[in-house]
Amino acid sequence: MNNFFETVLENWQPICIVIFVVVSLIIAGIIKYRNGLESVRPWAYKAILAAENMYKHGDNETKFSYYFDKVYQVLPTFVRFFISKESLEKILEKWYLQIKDLLDNGVVDNSLENGKNNL
């Protein structure tokens, strides 16, 4: 065990550089992931509008399926690698509720109480 600490103390600079590079790559990946997901939001809003116009009132499952499929198609490949379909569904539901909340009174104020698949 003493040998391990001596080795670490003798090589502290390369170890710090490796740690710095790994942390930097993780941070860059997180930033790229978030930006990639946000770049899809305008497509998501267009898909919501298209689903509303294509399907009749009350056909919520079909609307959400259309909405999900269209957004998934434009999702950058690197984002698909890091996000499950279930997580994407939750994000899309959140975006849908935000836009619906904005449209009900012009302000995003969480005034909507219910929510799953109310397309």
C-alpha atoms as a PDB file:
ATOM      1  CA  MET A   1       0.000   0.000   0.000  1.00  0.00           C
ATOM      2  CA  ASN A   2       2.913   2.282   0.727  1.00  0.00           C
ATOM      3  CA  ASN A   3       4.170   1.693  -2.815  1.00  0.00           C
ATOM      4  CA  PHE A   4       0.872   2.915  -4.243  1.00  0.00           C
ATOM      5  CA  PHE A   5       1.040   6.250  -2.406  1.00  0.00           C
ATOM      6  CA  GLU A   6       4.660   6.738  -3.378  1.00  0.00           C
ATOM      7  CA  THR A   7       3.791   6.127  -7.028  1.00  0.00           C
ATOM      8  CA  VAL A   8       0.900   8.592  -6.841  1.00  0.00           C
ATOM      9  CA  LEU A   9       3.062  11.233  -5.183  1.00  0.00           C
ATOM     10  CA  GLU A  10       5.818  10.785  -7.745  1.00  0.00           C
ATOM     11  CA  ASN A  11       3.383  11.005 -10.685  1.00  0.00           C
ATOM     12  CA  TRP A  12       0.879  13.554  -9.428  1.00  0.00           C
ATOM     13  CA  GLN A  13       1.140  15.849 -12.475  1.00  0.00           C
ATOM     14  CA  PRO A  14       0.176  13.260 -15.133  1.00  0.00           C
ATOM     15  CA  ILE A  15      -2.576  11.979 -12.852  1.00  0.00           C
ATOM     16  CA  CYS A  16      -3.999  15.497 -12.486  1.00  0.00           C
ATOM     17  CA  ILE A  17      -3.853  16.002 -16.248  1.00  0.00           C
ATOM     18  CA  VAL A  18      -5.740  12.746 -16.867  1.00  0.00           C
ATOM     19  CA  ILE A  19      -8.386  13.683 -14.276  1.00  0.00           C
ATOM     20  CA  PHE A  20      -8.741  17.142 -15.843  1.00  0.00           C
ATOM     21  CA  VAL A  21      -9.161  15.679 -19.343  1.00  0.00           C
ATOM     22  CA  VAL A  22     -11.770  13.150 -18.179  1.00  0.00           C
ATOM     23  CA  VAL A  23     -13.781  15.780 -16.297  1.00  0.00           C
ATOM     24  CA  SER A  24     -13.580  18.140 -19.293  1.00  0.00           C
ATOM     25  CA  LEU A  25     -14.859  15.434 -21.638  1.00  0.00           C
ATOM     26  CA  ILE A  26     -17.754  14.654 -19.309  1.00  0.00           C
ATOM     27  CA  ILE A  27     -18.718  18.335 -19.082  1.00  0.00           C
ATOM     28  CA  ALA A  28     -18.448  18.751 -22.878  1.00  0.00           C
ATOM     29  CA  GLY A  29     -20.645  15.679 -23.369  1.00  0.00           C
ATOM     30  CA  ILE A  30     -23.292  17.040 -21.008  1.00  0.00           C
ATOM     31  CA  ILE A  31     -23.300  20.415 -22.765  1.00  0.00           C
ATOM     32  CA  LYS A  32     -23.535  18.787 -26.206  1.00  0.00           C
ATOM     33  CA  TYR A  33     -26.343  16.499 -25.016  1.00  0.00           C
ATOM     34  CA  ARG A  34     -28.382  19.393 -23.619  1.00  0.00           C
ATOM     35  CA  ASN A  35     -27.843  21.531 -26.727  1.00  0.00           C
ATOM     36  CA  GLY A  36     -28.751  18.603 -28.973  1.00  0.00           C
ATOM     37  CA  LEU A  37     -31.976  18.041 -27.109  1.00  0.00           C
ATOM     38  CA  GLU A  38     -32.885  21.729 -27.127  1.00  0.00           C
ATOM     39  CA  SER A  39     -32.255  21.924 -30.876  1.00  0.00           C
ATOM     40  CA  VAL A  40     -35.177  19.519 -31.318  1.00  0.00           C
ATOM     41  CA  ARG A  41     -37.711  21.675 -29.439  1.00  0.00           C
ATOM     42  CA  PRO A  42     -38.855  23.691 -32.507  1.00  0.00           C
ATOM     43  CA  TRP A  43     -39.445  20.404 -34.355  1.00  0.00           C
ATOM     44  CA  ALA A  44     -41.414  19.152 -31.377  1.00  0.00           C
ATOM     45  CA  TYR A  45     -43.693  22.187 -31.472  1.00  0.00           C
ATOM     46  CA  LYS A  46     -44.239  21.729 -35.220  1.00  0.00           C
ATOM     47  CA  ALA A  47     -45.078  18.063 -34.641  1.00  0.00           C
ATOM     48  CA  ILE A  48     -47.620  19.023 -31.949  1.00  0.00           C
ATOM     49  CA  LEU A  49     -49.336  21.393 -34.354  1.00  0.00           C
ATOM     50  CA  ALA A  50     -49.282  18.830 -37.176  1.00  0.00           C
ATOM     51  CA  ALA A  51     -50.756  16.144 -34.903  1.00  0.00           C
ATOM     52  CA  GLU A  52     -53.503  18.493 -33.753  1.00  0.00           C
ATOM     53  CA  ASN A  53     -54.409  19.286 -37.353  1.00  0.00           C
ATOM     54  CA  MET A  54     -54.191  15.693 -38.651  1.00  0.00           C
ATOM     55  CA  TYR A  55     -56.145  13.802 -36.006  1.00  0.00           C
ATOM     56  CA  LYS A  56     -59.564  14.354 -34.523  1.00  0.00           C
ATOM     57  CA  HIS A  57     -60.181  15.659 -31.035  1.00  0.00           C
ATOM     58  CA  GLY A  58     -59.759  12.964 -28.403  1.00  0.00           C
ATOM     59  CA  ASP A  59     -57.466  10.702 -30.439  1.00  0.00           C
ATOM     60  CA  ASN A  60     -54.691  11.363 -27.912  1.00  0.00           C
ATOM     61  CA  GLU A  61     -52.684   8.143 -28.215  1.00  0.00           C
ATOM     62  CA  THR A  62     -52.430   8.467 -32.000  1.00  0.00           C
ATOM     63  CA  LYS A  63     -51.473  12.139 -31.712  1.00  0.00           C
ATOM     64  CA  PHE A  64     -48.768  11.426 -29.156  1.00  0.00           C
ATOM     65  CA  SER A  65     -47.433   8.528 -31.213  1.00  0.00           C
ATOM     66  CA  TYR A  66     -47.181  10.768 -34.280  1.00  0.00           C
ATOM     67  CA  TYR A  67     -45.580  13.541 -32.196  1.00  0.00           C
ATOM     68  CA  PHE A  68     -43.062  11.145 -30.630  1.00  0.00           C
ATOM     69  CA  ASP A  69     -42.120   9.504 -33.944  1.00  0.00           C
ATOM     70  CA  LYS A  70     -41.539  12.813 -35.708  1.00  0.00           C
ATOM     71  CA  VAL A  71     -39.367  14.179 -32.923  1.00  0.00           C
ATOM     72  CA  TYR A  72     -37.404  10.936 -32.607  1.00  0.00           C
ATOM     73  CA  GLN A  73     -36.610  11.095 -36.342  1.00  0.00           C
ATOM     74  CA  VAL A  74     -34.954  14.521 -36.047  1.00  0.00           C
ATOM     75  CA  LEU A  75     -33.162  13.741 -32.784  1.00  0.00           C
ATOM     76  CA  PRO A  76     -29.376  13.858 -33.280  1.00  0.00           C
ATOM     77  CA  THR A  77     -27.819  10.392 -33.225  1.00  0.00           C
ATOM     78  CA  PHE A  78     -25.528  11.151 -30.297  1.00  0.00           C
ATOM     79  CA  VAL A  79     -28.544  12.172 -28.219  1.00  0.00           C
ATOM     80  CA  ARG A  80     -30.390   8.940 -29.083  1.00  0.00           C
ATOM     81  CA  PHE A  81     -27.367   7.070 -27.759  1.00  0.00           C
ATOM     82  CA  PHE A  82     -27.697   8.733 -24.330  1.00  0.00           C
ATOM     83  CA  ILE A  83     -31.462   8.930 -23.887  1.00  0.00           C
ATOM     84  CA  SER A  84     -34.004   6.141 -23.621  1.00  0.00           C
ATOM     85  CA  LYS A  85     -37.348   6.290 -25.401  1.00  0.00           C
ATOM     86  CA  GLU A  86     -39.077   6.439 -22.018  1.00  0.00           C
ATOM     87  CA  SER A  87     -37.015   9.468 -20.995  1.00  0.00           C
ATOM     88  CA  LEU A  88     -37.741  11.147 -24.312  1.00  0.00           C
ATOM     89  CA  GLU A  89     -41.462  10.521 -23.800  1.00  0.00           C
ATOM     90  CA  LYS A  90     -41.298  12.285 -20.416  1.00  0.00           C
ATOM     91  CA  ILE A  91     -39.421  15.230 -21.932  1.00  0.00           C
ATOM     92  CA  LEU A  92     -41.921  15.520 -24.793  1.00  0.00           C
ATOM     93  CA  GLU A  93     -44.838  15.385 -22.358  1.00  0.00           C
ATOM     94  CA  LYS A  94     -43.208  18.162 -20.336  1.00  0.00           C
ATOM     95  CA  TRP A  95     -42.702  20.278 -23.485  1.00  0.00           C
ATOM     96  CA  TYR A  96     -46.287  19.641 -24.533  1.00  0.00           C
ATOM     97  CA  LEU A  97     -47.609  20.712 -21.142  1.00  0.00           C
ATOM     98  CA  GLN A  98     -45.439  23.837 -21.221  1.00  0.00           C
ATOM     99  CA  ILE A  99     -46.782  24.892 -24.621  1.00  0.00           C
ATOM    100  CA  LYS A 100     -50.339  24.038 -23.568  1.00  0.00           C
ATOM    101  CA  ASP A 101     -49.846  26.053 -20.376  1.00  0.00           C
ATOM    102  CA  LEU A 102     -48.561  29.003 -22.410  1.00  0.00           C
ATOM    103  CA  LEU A 103     -51.544  28.850 -24.748  1.00  0.00           C
ATOM    104  CA  ASP A 104     -54.192  28.706 -22.004  1.00  0.00           C
ATOM    105  CA  ASN A 105     -53.485  32.189 -20.616  1.00  0.00           C
ATOM    106  CA  GLY A 106     -50.342  33.520 -22.336  1.00  0.00           C
ATOM    107  CA  VAL A 107     -48.025  32.740 -19.415  1.00  0.00           C
ATOM    108  CA  VAL A 108     -46.141  29.611 -18.379  1.00  0.00           C
ATOM    109  CA  ASP A 109     -47.420  29.451 -14.813  1.00  0.00           C
ATOM    110  CA  ASN A 110     -48.120  25.744 -14.289  1.00  0.00           C
ATOM    111  CA  SER A 111     -51.848  26.421 -14.325  1.00  0.00           C
ATOM    112  CA  LEU A 112     -52.586  23.025 -15.863  1.00  0.00           C
ATOM    113  CA  GLU A 113     -53.153  20.277 -13.315  1.00  0.00           C
ATOM    114  CA  ASN A 114     -53.518  17.078 -15.341  1.00  0.00           C
ATOM    115  CA  GLY A 115     -51.273  15.929 -17.987  1.00  0.00           C
ATOM    116  CA  LYS A 116     -50.408  12.597 -19.527  1.00  0.00           C
ATOM    117  CA  ASN A 117     -50.981  12.524 -23.277  1.00  0.00           C
ATOM    118  CA  ASN A 118     -53.572  15.266 -23.453  1.00  0.00           C
ATOM    119  CA  LEU A 119     -52.702  16.069 -27.053  1.00  0.00           C
END
